[in-house]
């Protein structure tokens, strides 16, 4: 019969001991379990399918006359698309940057060669209300752009904040002109 010392020596000389194998197997099993638990937790932070479906939207702008605006939806948020008149463009360009709380020129807020098309998110930067100024006869406020009646934020024709508690201009989303009559937002 082999002594206890001889069997221990045979285990270490022959390679992996049974205890080492069990430790490696247990750690591997725990690692696989941790990954299996982590994947659904991480995956639940992804945007839902209905939001991904609205990742971009195309809008036909051919029927928007000069001086008119429409409201559409992108990513469950209102978007204002306005066809500025030459007078509105001139009024926006005449405002000195020093008078603006969030200084941006109209050229920075529109695409080159398309200065008459102003596309902004229709969400007030103060508390997330939807400003007025898109429909017929709506109150556009003292600067002719948009007006948020909840707290009195007034935006000019370039959707820049001019008075009230809103800290920033209405946000301009990423967009591109697919053709002369179609714009893709997102």
N, C-alpha and C. Protein backbone atom coordinates (compact mmCIF):
# COMPACT_ATOMS: atom_id res chain seq x y z
N UNK A 1 0.82 -1.17 0.00
CA UNK A 1 0.00 0.00 0.00
C UNK A 1 0.87 1.24 0.00
N UNK A 2 0.40 2.16 -0.73
CA UNK A 2 1.14 3.42 -0.83
C UNK A 2 0.83 4.26 0.38
N UNK A 3 1.83 4.94 0.84
CA UNK A 3 1.64 5.81 1.98
C UNK A 3 1.00 7.11 1.53
N UNK A 4 0.54 7.87 2.50
CA UNK A 4 -0.11 9.15 2.23
C UNK A 4 0.84 10.11 1.54
N UNK A 5 2.08 10.07 1.94
CA UNK A 5 3.09 10.94 1.35
C UNK A 5 3.33 10.58 -0.10
N UNK A 6 3.34 9.29 -0.42
CA UNK A 6 3.57 8.86 -1.80
C UNK A 6 2.40 9.25 -2.70
N UNK A 7 1.14 9.16 -2.20
CA UNK A 7 -0.01 9.52 -3.03
C UNK A 7 -0.05 11.03 -3.28
N UNK A 8 0.31 11.85 -2.30
CA UNK A 8 0.37 13.30 -2.49
C UNK A 8 1.42 13.67 -3.50
N UNK A 9 2.57 12.97 -3.44
CA UNK A 9 3.66 13.23 -4.38
C UNK A 9 3.23 12.82 -5.78
N UNK A 10 2.49 11.73 -5.91
CA UNK A 10 2.04 11.28 -7.22
C UNK A 10 1.05 12.27 -7.82
N UNK A 11 0.17 12.87 -6.99
CA UNK A 11 -0.79 13.86 -7.50
C UNK A 11 -0.08 15.09 -8.05
N UNK A 12 0.91 15.60 -7.33
CA UNK A 12 1.60 16.81 -7.77
C UNK A 12 2.51 16.54 -8.94
N UNK A 13 3.13 15.37 -9.03
CA UNK A 13 4.01 15.07 -10.16
C UNK A 13 3.21 14.79 -11.42
N UNK A 14 2.02 14.23 -11.27
CA UNK A 14 1.22 13.84 -12.42
C UNK A 14 0.50 15.00 -13.07
N UNK A 15 0.50 16.16 -12.55
CA UNK A 15 -0.17 17.31 -13.17
C UNK A 15 -1.10 18.01 -12.20
N UNK A 16 -2.30 18.27 -12.64
CA UNK A 16 -3.27 19.07 -11.90
C UNK A 16 -3.87 18.24 -10.76
N UNK A 17 -3.90 18.86 -9.61
CA UNK A 17 -4.54 18.19 -8.49
C UNK A 17 -6.04 18.35 -8.62
N UNK A 18 -6.77 17.49 -8.01
CA UNK A 18 -8.22 17.53 -8.09
C UNK A 18 -8.77 18.83 -7.49
N UNK A 19 -8.19 19.32 -6.42
CA UNK A 19 -8.63 20.56 -5.78
C UNK A 19 -8.43 21.75 -6.72
N UNK A 20 -7.31 21.80 -7.46
CA UNK A 20 -7.07 22.88 -8.42
C UNK A 20 -8.12 22.86 -9.53
N UNK A 21 -8.43 21.67 -10.01
CA UNK A 21 -9.44 21.54 -11.07
C UNK A 21 -10.80 22.03 -10.58
N UNK A 22 -11.17 21.66 -9.36
CA UNK A 22 -12.46 22.09 -8.81
C UNK A 22 -12.51 23.62 -8.64
N UNK A 23 -11.40 24.22 -8.22
CA UNK A 23 -11.34 25.69 -8.08
C UNK A 23 -11.52 26.38 -9.43
N UNK A 24 -10.81 25.90 -10.45
CA UNK A 24 -10.91 26.49 -11.79
C UNK A 24 -12.33 26.32 -12.32
N UNK A 25 -12.91 25.15 -12.14
CA UNK A 25 -14.27 24.89 -12.62
C UNK A 25 -15.28 25.79 -11.90
N UNK A 26 -15.14 25.98 -10.61
CA UNK A 26 -16.08 26.81 -9.84
C UNK A 26 -15.98 28.28 -10.26
N UNK A 27 -14.77 28.79 -10.44
CA UNK A 27 -14.58 30.18 -10.87
C UNK A 27 -15.13 30.36 -12.28
N UNK A 28 -14.92 29.42 -13.17
CA UNK A 28 -15.44 29.51 -14.54
C UNK A 28 -16.96 29.51 -14.53
N UNK A 29 -17.55 28.64 -13.73
CA UNK A 29 -19.01 28.57 -13.63
C UNK A 29 -19.58 29.89 -13.09
N UNK A 30 -18.92 30.46 -12.10
CA UNK A 30 -19.37 31.74 -11.54
C UNK A 30 -19.24 32.86 -12.58
N UNK A 31 -18.17 32.84 -13.37
CA UNK A 31 -17.98 33.86 -14.41
C UNK A 31 -19.06 33.79 -15.47
N UNK A 32 -19.39 32.58 -15.91
CA UNK A 32 -20.45 32.41 -16.90
C UNK A 32 -21.79 32.87 -16.32
N UNK A 33 -22.03 32.56 -15.06
CA UNK A 33 -23.26 32.99 -14.41
C UNK A 33 -23.35 34.51 -14.31
N UNK A 34 -22.24 35.15 -13.99
CA UNK A 34 -22.23 36.62 -13.90
C UNK A 34 -22.52 37.26 -15.25
N UNK A 35 -21.96 36.72 -16.32
CA UNK A 35 -22.22 37.24 -17.66
C UNK A 35 -23.68 37.02 -18.03
N UNK A 36 -24.21 35.84 -17.70
CA UNK A 36 -25.61 35.55 -18.01
C UNK A 36 -26.56 36.50 -17.29
N UNK A 37 -26.22 36.93 -16.11
CA UNK A 37 -27.04 37.88 -15.36
C UNK A 37 -26.83 39.30 -15.88
N UNK A 38 -25.62 39.65 -16.25
CA UNK A 38 -25.29 41.02 -16.67
C UNK A 38 -25.89 41.38 -18.02
N UNK A 39 -25.99 40.44 -18.95
CA UNK A 39 -26.47 40.75 -20.30
C UNK A 39 -27.88 41.33 -20.28
N UNK A 40 -28.86 40.72 -19.62
CA UNK A 40 -30.19 41.35 -19.60
C UNK A 40 -30.22 42.70 -18.88
N UNK A 41 -29.40 42.85 -17.84
CA UNK A 41 -29.37 44.12 -17.13
C UNK A 41 -28.82 45.23 -18.01
N UNK A 42 -27.82 44.94 -18.78
CA UNK A 42 -27.25 45.94 -19.69
C UNK A 42 -28.19 46.17 -20.87
N UNK A 43 -28.79 45.10 -21.38
CA UNK A 43 -29.67 45.21 -22.53
C UNK A 43 -30.92 46.04 -22.23
N UNK A 44 -31.40 46.03 -21.00
CA UNK A 44 -32.58 46.81 -20.67
C UNK A 44 -32.34 48.31 -20.73
N UNK A 45 -31.08 48.73 -20.78
CA UNK A 45 -30.77 50.16 -20.89
C UNK A 45 -30.79 50.65 -22.34
N UNK A 46 -30.88 49.75 -23.32
CA UNK A 46 -30.98 50.14 -24.72
C UNK A 46 -32.33 50.80 -24.98
N UNK A 47 -32.41 51.68 -25.97
CA UNK A 47 -33.69 52.30 -26.28
C UNK A 47 -34.68 51.25 -26.79
N UNK A 48 -35.97 51.45 -26.52
CA UNK A 48 -36.96 50.49 -26.98
C UNK A 48 -37.10 50.51 -28.50
N UNK A 49 -37.71 49.48 -29.05
CA UNK A 49 -37.82 49.32 -30.50
C UNK A 49 -38.60 50.46 -31.14
N UNK A 50 -39.62 50.98 -30.47
CA UNK A 50 -40.40 52.07 -31.07
C UNK A 50 -39.57 53.34 -31.20
N UNK A 51 -38.64 53.56 -30.30
CA UNK A 51 -37.77 54.73 -30.39
C UNK A 51 -36.73 54.52 -31.49
N UNK A 52 -36.17 53.31 -31.58
CA UNK A 52 -35.21 53.02 -32.63
C UNK A 52 -35.85 53.15 -34.01
N UNK A 53 -37.12 52.80 -34.12
CA UNK A 53 -37.82 52.92 -35.40
C UNK A 53 -37.93 54.37 -35.82
N UNK A 54 -37.94 55.29 -34.86
CA UNK A 54 -38.03 56.72 -35.15
C UNK A 54 -36.67 57.39 -35.13
N UNK A 55 -35.60 56.62 -35.30
CA UNK A 55 -34.26 57.19 -35.23
C UNK A 55 -34.07 58.28 -36.27
N UNK A 56 -34.73 58.15 -37.40
CA UNK A 56 -34.73 59.23 -38.38
C UNK A 56 -36.10 59.26 -39.05
N UNK A 57 -36.46 60.43 -39.51
CA UNK A 57 -37.74 60.59 -40.19
C UNK A 57 -37.56 61.55 -41.35
N UNK A 58 -38.30 61.30 -42.41
CA UNK A 58 -38.25 62.18 -43.57
C UNK A 58 -39.54 62.98 -43.64
N UNK A 59 -39.41 64.27 -43.93
CA UNK A 59 -40.55 65.17 -43.97
C UNK A 59 -40.60 65.86 -45.32
N UNK A 60 -41.78 65.85 -45.94
CA UNK A 60 -41.99 66.57 -47.20
C UNK A 60 -42.26 68.04 -46.86
N UNK A 61 -41.39 68.91 -47.34
CA UNK A 61 -41.51 70.34 -47.03
C UNK A 61 -42.02 71.15 -48.22
N UNK A 62 -42.46 70.46 -49.27
CA UNK A 62 -42.87 71.15 -50.50
C UNK A 62 -44.12 72.01 -50.31
N UNK A 63 -44.96 71.66 -49.36
CA UNK A 63 -46.22 72.39 -49.18
C UNK A 63 -46.13 73.49 -48.12
N UNK A 64 -44.96 73.72 -47.54
CA UNK A 64 -44.80 74.77 -46.53
C UNK A 64 -44.42 76.07 -47.25
N UNK A 65 -45.36 76.99 -47.27
CA UNK A 65 -45.14 78.27 -47.95
C UNK A 65 -44.23 79.16 -47.12
N UNK A 66 -43.69 80.16 -47.76
CA UNK A 66 -42.83 81.12 -47.05
C UNK A 66 -43.63 81.78 -45.93
N UNK A 67 -43.06 81.79 -44.73
CA UNK A 67 -43.72 82.35 -43.56
C UNK A 67 -44.54 81.35 -42.77
N UNK A 68 -44.68 80.15 -43.27
CA UNK A 68 -45.44 79.12 -42.57
C UNK A 68 -44.50 78.18 -41.81
N UNK A 69 -45.10 77.47 -40.85
CA UNK A 69 -44.36 76.49 -40.07
C UNK A 69 -45.25 75.28 -39.82
N UNK A 70 -44.62 74.13 -39.66
CA UNK A 70 -45.36 72.92 -39.28
C UNK A 70 -44.71 72.31 -38.06
N UNK A 71 -45.49 71.47 -37.41
CA UNK A 71 -44.96 70.71 -36.27
C UNK A 71 -45.05 69.25 -36.65
N UNK A 72 -43.94 68.53 -36.51
CA UNK A 72 -43.91 67.09 -36.76
C UNK A 72 -43.32 66.41 -35.53
N UNK A 73 -43.20 65.11 -35.56
CA UNK A 73 -42.70 64.37 -34.41
C UNK A 73 -41.48 63.56 -34.83
N UNK A 74 -40.45 63.61 -34.00
CA UNK A 74 -39.25 62.81 -34.18
C UNK A 74 -38.79 62.36 -32.80
N UNK A 75 -38.63 61.06 -32.63
CA UNK A 75 -38.24 60.48 -31.34
C UNK A 75 -39.19 60.89 -30.22
N UNK A 76 -40.45 60.93 -30.55
CA UNK A 76 -41.52 61.29 -29.60
C UNK A 76 -41.40 62.73 -29.09
N UNK A 77 -40.70 63.57 -29.83
CA UNK A 77 -40.58 64.98 -29.46
C UNK A 77 -41.06 65.84 -30.62
N UNK A 78 -41.68 66.99 -30.32
CA UNK A 78 -42.12 67.86 -31.41
C UNK A 78 -40.93 68.53 -32.09
N UNK A 79 -41.04 68.69 -33.39
CA UNK A 79 -40.03 69.38 -34.19
C UNK A 79 -40.75 70.45 -34.99
N UNK A 80 -40.20 71.67 -34.94
CA UNK A 80 -40.76 72.79 -35.69
C UNK A 80 -39.94 72.96 -36.97
N UNK A 81 -40.63 73.00 -38.09
CA UNK A 81 -39.99 73.27 -39.38
C UNK A 81 -40.61 74.54 -39.92
N UNK A 82 -39.81 75.58 -40.05
CA UNK A 82 -40.31 76.89 -40.47
C UNK A 82 -39.60 77.34 -41.74
N UNK A 83 -40.41 77.82 -42.70
CA UNK A 83 -39.90 78.42 -43.93
C UNK A 83 -39.89 79.93 -43.69
N UNK A 84 -38.73 80.46 -43.35
CA UNK A 84 -38.61 81.87 -42.99
C UNK A 84 -38.79 82.78 -44.20
N UNK A 85 -39.43 83.91 -43.97
CA UNK A 85 -39.58 84.92 -45.02
C UNK A 85 -38.28 85.73 -45.09
N UNK A 86 -38.05 86.44 -46.18
CA UNK A 86 -36.87 87.32 -46.22
C UNK A 86 -36.84 88.34 -45.08
N UNK A 87 -38.02 88.83 -44.68
CA UNK A 87 -38.07 89.79 -43.57
C UNK A 87 -37.65 89.13 -42.25
N UNK A 88 -38.07 87.88 -42.03
CA UNK A 88 -37.67 87.17 -40.81
C UNK A 88 -36.17 86.88 -40.81
N UNK A 89 -35.64 86.54 -41.96
CA UNK A 89 -34.19 86.30 -42.07
C UNK A 89 -33.43 87.58 -41.78
N UNK A 90 -33.90 88.69 -42.34
CA UNK A 90 -33.26 89.98 -42.12
C UNK A 90 -33.33 90.38 -40.65
N UNK A 91 -34.49 90.15 -40.01
CA UNK A 91 -34.64 90.49 -38.59
C UNK A 91 -33.70 89.64 -37.72
N UNK A 92 -33.56 88.37 -38.06
CA UNK A 92 -32.66 87.49 -37.29
C UNK A 92 -31.21 87.91 -37.46
N UNK A 93 -30.83 88.28 -38.68
CA UNK A 93 -29.45 88.68 -38.94
C UNK A 93 -29.11 90.05 -38.37
N UNK A 94 -30.12 90.88 -38.11
CA UNK A 94 -29.89 92.23 -37.59
C UNK A 94 -29.64 92.27 -36.08
N UNK A 95 -29.90 91.17 -35.39
CA UNK A 95 -29.73 91.14 -33.93
C UNK A 95 -28.24 91.04 -33.59
N UNK A 96 -27.72 91.98 -32.80
CA UNK A 96 -26.31 91.88 -32.39
C UNK A 96 -26.10 90.67 -31.47
N UNK A 97 -25.02 89.96 -31.66
CA UNK A 97 -24.72 88.78 -30.85
C UNK A 97 -24.61 89.12 -29.36
N UNK A 98 -24.22 90.36 -29.06
CA UNK A 98 -24.07 90.76 -27.65
C UNK A 98 -25.42 90.81 -26.92
N UNK A 99 -26.53 90.88 -27.65
CA UNK A 99 -27.85 90.91 -27.04
C UNK A 99 -28.40 89.51 -26.75
N UNK A 100 -27.73 88.49 -27.23
CA UNK A 100 -28.24 87.13 -27.10
C UNK A 100 -27.66 86.42 -25.89
N UNK A 101 -28.50 85.73 -25.17
CA UNK A 101 -28.07 84.95 -24.01
C UNK A 101 -27.25 83.73 -24.44
N UNK A 102 -27.65 83.12 -25.53
CA UNK A 102 -26.96 81.95 -26.10
C UNK A 102 -26.61 82.32 -27.54
N UNK A 103 -25.48 83.04 -27.74
CA UNK A 103 -25.21 83.64 -29.05
C UNK A 103 -24.95 82.61 -30.16
N UNK A 104 -25.84 82.61 -31.14
CA UNK A 104 -25.71 81.83 -32.36
C UNK A 104 -26.34 82.63 -33.48
N UNK A 105 -25.67 82.68 -34.60
CA UNK A 105 -26.25 83.39 -35.74
C UNK A 105 -27.23 82.46 -36.46
N UNK A 106 -28.06 83.05 -37.31
CA UNK A 106 -29.00 82.25 -38.09
C UNK A 106 -28.23 81.29 -38.99
N UNK A 107 -27.10 81.73 -39.52
CA UNK A 107 -26.29 80.86 -40.39
C UNK A 107 -25.77 79.62 -39.65
N UNK A 108 -25.55 79.73 -38.34
CA UNK A 108 -25.11 78.57 -37.55
C UNK A 108 -26.26 77.61 -37.29
N UNK A 109 -27.48 78.09 -37.41
CA UNK A 109 -28.66 77.28 -37.09
C UNK A 109 -29.34 76.70 -38.33
N UNK A 110 -28.88 77.08 -39.51
CA UNK A 110 -29.45 76.57 -40.76
C UNK A 110 -28.33 75.99 -41.63
N UNK A 111 -28.72 75.32 -42.70
CA UNK A 111 -27.74 74.73 -43.63
C UNK A 111 -27.35 75.77 -44.68
N UNK A 112 -26.10 75.71 -45.17
CA UNK A 112 -25.67 76.65 -46.21
C UNK A 112 -26.57 76.55 -47.46
N UNK A 113 -26.98 77.70 -47.96
CA UNK A 113 -27.85 77.74 -49.12
C UNK A 113 -29.31 77.50 -48.82
N UNK A 114 -29.62 77.17 -47.58
CA UNK A 114 -31.01 76.90 -47.16
C UNK A 114 -31.34 77.74 -45.93
N UNK A 115 -30.95 79.00 -45.93
CA UNK A 115 -31.14 79.87 -44.75
C UNK A 115 -32.60 80.10 -44.42
N UNK A 116 -33.49 79.83 -45.38
CA UNK A 116 -34.91 80.03 -45.11
C UNK A 116 -35.53 78.86 -44.35
N UNK A 117 -34.86 77.74 -44.24
CA UNK A 117 -35.41 76.57 -43.55
C UNK A 117 -34.80 76.45 -42.16
N UNK A 118 -35.62 76.72 -41.15
CA UNK A 118 -35.18 76.60 -39.76
C UNK A 118 -35.87 75.38 -39.15
N UNK A 119 -35.08 74.43 -38.68
CA UNK A 119 -35.59 73.19 -38.10
C UNK A 119 -35.07 73.09 -36.68
N UNK A 120 -35.99 73.08 -35.71
CA UNK A 120 -35.60 73.02 -34.30
C UNK A 120 -36.51 72.05 -33.55
N UNK A 121 -36.00 71.55 -32.43
CA UNK A 121 -36.85 70.78 -31.54
C UNK A 121 -37.84 71.74 -30.90
N UNK A 122 -39.07 71.32 -30.76
CA UNK A 122 -40.10 72.17 -30.19
C UNK A 122 -40.24 71.97 -28.69
N UNK A 123 -39.11 72.01 -27.99
CA UNK A 123 -39.10 71.78 -26.55
C UNK A 123 -38.39 72.96 -25.89
N UNK A 124 -39.10 73.69 -25.04
CA UNK A 124 -38.52 74.83 -24.34
C UNK A 124 -37.36 74.34 -23.46
N UNK A 125 -36.28 75.07 -23.49
CA UNK A 125 -35.08 74.66 -22.75
C UNK A 125 -35.17 74.99 -21.26
N UNK A 126 -36.28 75.56 -20.82
CA UNK A 126 -36.44 75.86 -19.40
C UNK A 126 -36.97 74.63 -18.66
N UNK A 127 -38.19 74.22 -18.97
CA UNK A 127 -38.77 73.07 -18.28
C UNK A 127 -39.36 72.03 -19.23
N UNK A 128 -39.08 72.13 -20.51
CA UNK A 128 -39.53 71.12 -21.45
C UNK A 128 -40.94 71.29 -21.98
N UNK A 129 -41.51 72.49 -21.86
CA UNK A 129 -42.84 72.76 -22.40
C UNK A 129 -42.73 72.86 -23.93
N UNK A 130 -43.87 72.88 -24.62
CA UNK A 130 -43.89 73.05 -26.07
C UNK A 130 -44.32 74.49 -26.35
N UNK A 131 -43.43 75.31 -26.88
CA UNK A 131 -43.76 76.71 -27.16
C UNK A 131 -44.82 76.85 -28.25
N UNK A 132 -45.51 77.98 -28.24
CA UNK A 132 -46.47 78.32 -29.28
C UNK A 132 -45.74 79.00 -30.43
N UNK A 133 -46.41 79.06 -31.58
CA UNK A 133 -45.84 79.80 -32.70
C UNK A 133 -45.84 79.04 -34.00
N UNK A 134 -46.55 77.91 -34.06
CA UNK A 134 -46.56 77.12 -35.28
C UNK A 134 -47.88 77.25 -36.03
N UNK A 135 -49.00 77.32 -35.34
CA UNK A 135 -50.31 77.35 -36.01
C UNK A 135 -50.72 78.76 -36.42
N UNK A 136 -51.78 78.82 -37.20
CA UNK A 136 -52.34 80.10 -37.63
C UNK A 136 -52.83 80.89 -36.42
N UNK A 137 -52.50 82.13 -36.35
CA UNK A 137 -52.98 83.00 -35.30
C UNK A 137 -52.40 82.74 -33.92
N UNK A 138 -51.38 81.90 -33.84
CA UNK A 138 -50.79 81.61 -32.52
C UNK A 138 -49.94 82.78 -32.06
N UNK A 139 -49.81 82.90 -30.76
CA UNK A 139 -48.99 83.95 -30.17
C UNK A 139 -47.53 83.61 -30.37
N UNK A 140 -46.85 84.40 -31.18
CA UNK A 140 -45.43 84.17 -31.43
C UNK A 140 -44.55 84.99 -30.50
N UNK A 141 -45.14 85.71 -29.60
CA UNK A 141 -44.36 86.48 -28.64
C UNK A 141 -43.84 87.78 -29.20
N UNK A 142 -43.10 88.52 -28.38
CA UNK A 142 -42.65 89.86 -28.77
C UNK A 142 -41.56 89.87 -29.84
N UNK A 143 -40.95 88.73 -30.14
CA UNK A 143 -39.85 88.71 -31.10
C UNK A 143 -40.21 87.96 -32.38
N UNK A 144 -41.47 87.56 -32.52
CA UNK A 144 -41.96 86.97 -33.76
C UNK A 144 -41.56 85.53 -33.99
N UNK A 145 -41.00 84.86 -33.01
CA UNK A 145 -40.58 83.47 -33.19
C UNK A 145 -41.50 82.51 -32.49
N UNK A 146 -41.12 82.11 -31.30
CA UNK A 146 -41.93 81.18 -30.50
C UNK A 146 -42.09 81.77 -29.11
N UNK A 147 -43.18 81.38 -28.45
CA UNK A 147 -43.46 81.89 -27.12
C UNK A 147 -43.95 80.76 -26.25
N UNK A 148 -43.32 80.59 -25.08
CA UNK A 148 -43.72 79.56 -24.12
C UNK A 148 -44.51 80.25 -23.02
N UNK A 149 -45.84 80.09 -23.00
CA UNK A 149 -46.66 80.81 -22.03
C UNK A 149 -46.52 80.31 -20.60
N UNK A 150 -45.95 79.14 -20.41
CA UNK A 150 -45.83 78.58 -19.06
C UNK A 150 -45.01 79.49 -18.14
N UNK A 151 -43.88 79.98 -18.64
CA UNK A 151 -43.01 80.82 -17.82
C UNK A 151 -42.53 82.06 -18.54
N UNK A 152 -43.07 82.31 -19.74
CA UNK A 152 -42.79 83.56 -20.43
C UNK A 152 -41.51 83.59 -21.25
N UNK A 153 -40.98 82.44 -21.64
CA UNK A 153 -39.79 82.45 -22.49
C UNK A 153 -40.19 82.83 -23.91
N UNK A 154 -39.45 83.78 -24.48
CA UNK A 154 -39.73 84.26 -25.83
C UNK A 154 -38.51 84.04 -26.71
N UNK A 155 -38.75 83.48 -27.89
CA UNK A 155 -37.69 83.18 -28.86
C UNK A 155 -37.90 84.03 -30.10
N UNK A 156 -36.81 84.39 -30.78
CA UNK A 156 -36.94 85.21 -31.98
C UNK A 156 -37.16 84.34 -33.21
N UNK A 157 -37.10 84.95 -34.40
CA UNK A 157 -37.40 84.23 -35.64
C UNK A 157 -36.38 83.13 -35.94
N UNK A 158 -35.21 83.16 -35.31
CA UNK A 158 -34.21 82.11 -35.46
C UNK A 158 -34.26 81.12 -34.30
N UNK A 159 -35.34 81.15 -33.51
CA UNK A 159 -35.56 80.26 -32.36
C UNK A 159 -34.46 80.41 -31.30
N UNK A 160 -33.98 81.66 -31.16
CA UNK A 160 -32.98 81.96 -30.12
C UNK A 160 -33.67 82.61 -28.94
N UNK A 161 -33.28 82.25 -27.74
CA UNK A 161 -33.90 82.79 -26.53
C UNK A 161 -33.60 84.29 -26.43
N UNK A 162 -34.66 85.08 -26.18
CA UNK A 162 -34.49 86.52 -26.08
C UNK A 162 -34.93 87.05 -24.73
N UNK A 163 -35.94 86.41 -24.11
CA UNK A 163 -36.36 86.84 -22.77
C UNK A 163 -37.02 85.66 -22.07
N UNK A 164 -37.02 85.72 -20.76
CA UNK A 164 -37.63 84.65 -19.96
C UNK A 164 -36.58 83.77 -19.33
N UNK A 165 -37.01 82.75 -18.62
CA UNK A 165 -36.07 81.93 -17.84
C UNK A 165 -35.31 80.86 -18.64
N UNK A 166 -35.67 80.60 -19.88
CA UNK A 166 -34.98 79.55 -20.65
C UNK A 166 -33.51 79.90 -20.82
N UNK A 167 -32.60 78.97 -20.53
CA UNK A 167 -31.17 79.27 -20.59
C UNK A 167 -30.56 79.16 -21.99
N UNK A 168 -31.15 78.38 -22.87
CA UNK A 168 -30.56 78.10 -24.18
C UNK A 168 -31.57 78.31 -25.29
N UNK A 169 -31.05 78.39 -26.52
CA UNK A 169 -31.88 78.46 -27.72
C UNK A 169 -32.58 77.11 -27.91
N UNK A 170 -33.66 77.11 -28.72
CA UNK A 170 -34.26 75.83 -29.08
C UNK A 170 -33.21 75.01 -29.84
N UNK A 171 -33.11 73.76 -29.52
CA UNK A 171 -32.06 72.91 -30.07
C UNK A 171 -32.31 72.59 -31.55
N UNK A 172 -31.26 72.61 -32.33
CA UNK A 172 -31.32 72.23 -33.74
C UNK A 172 -30.87 70.77 -33.84
N UNK A 173 -31.76 69.86 -34.28
CA UNK A 173 -31.35 68.46 -34.39
C UNK A 173 -30.48 68.24 -35.62
N UNK A 174 -29.85 67.09 -35.70
CA UNK A 174 -29.11 66.74 -36.92
C UNK A 174 -30.13 66.52 -38.03
N UNK A 175 -29.90 67.15 -39.16
CA UNK A 175 -30.79 66.96 -40.30
C UNK A 175 -30.03 67.20 -41.58
N UNK A 176 -30.59 66.69 -42.68
CA UNK A 176 -29.99 66.92 -43.99
C UNK A 176 -31.10 66.97 -45.03
N UNK A 177 -30.85 67.71 -46.09
CA UNK A 177 -31.80 67.80 -47.18
C UNK A 177 -31.54 66.64 -48.13
N UNK A 178 -32.51 65.73 -48.26
CA UNK A 178 -32.40 64.60 -49.17
C UNK A 178 -32.64 65.08 -50.59
N UNK A 179 -33.56 66.01 -50.74
CA UNK A 179 -33.84 66.65 -52.02
C UNK A 179 -34.31 68.06 -51.72
N UNK A 180 -34.73 68.79 -52.75
CA UNK A 180 -35.22 70.14 -52.54
C UNK A 180 -36.53 70.16 -51.78
N UNK A 181 -37.25 69.05 -51.75
CA UNK A 181 -38.57 69.00 -51.10
C UNK A 181 -38.63 68.05 -49.91
N UNK A 182 -37.53 67.40 -49.57
CA UNK A 182 -37.55 66.42 -48.48
C UNK A 182 -36.35 66.64 -47.56
N UNK A 183 -36.63 66.61 -46.27
CA UNK A 183 -35.57 66.75 -45.27
C UNK A 183 -35.61 65.51 -44.36
N UNK A 184 -34.44 64.97 -44.05
CA UNK A 184 -34.33 63.83 -43.14
C UNK A 184 -33.80 64.32 -41.80
N UNK A 185 -34.58 64.10 -40.76
CA UNK A 185 -34.19 64.50 -39.41
C UNK A 185 -33.67 63.27 -38.68
N UNK A 186 -32.52 63.40 -38.08
CA UNK A 186 -31.94 62.29 -37.32
C UNK A 186 -30.79 61.63 -38.01
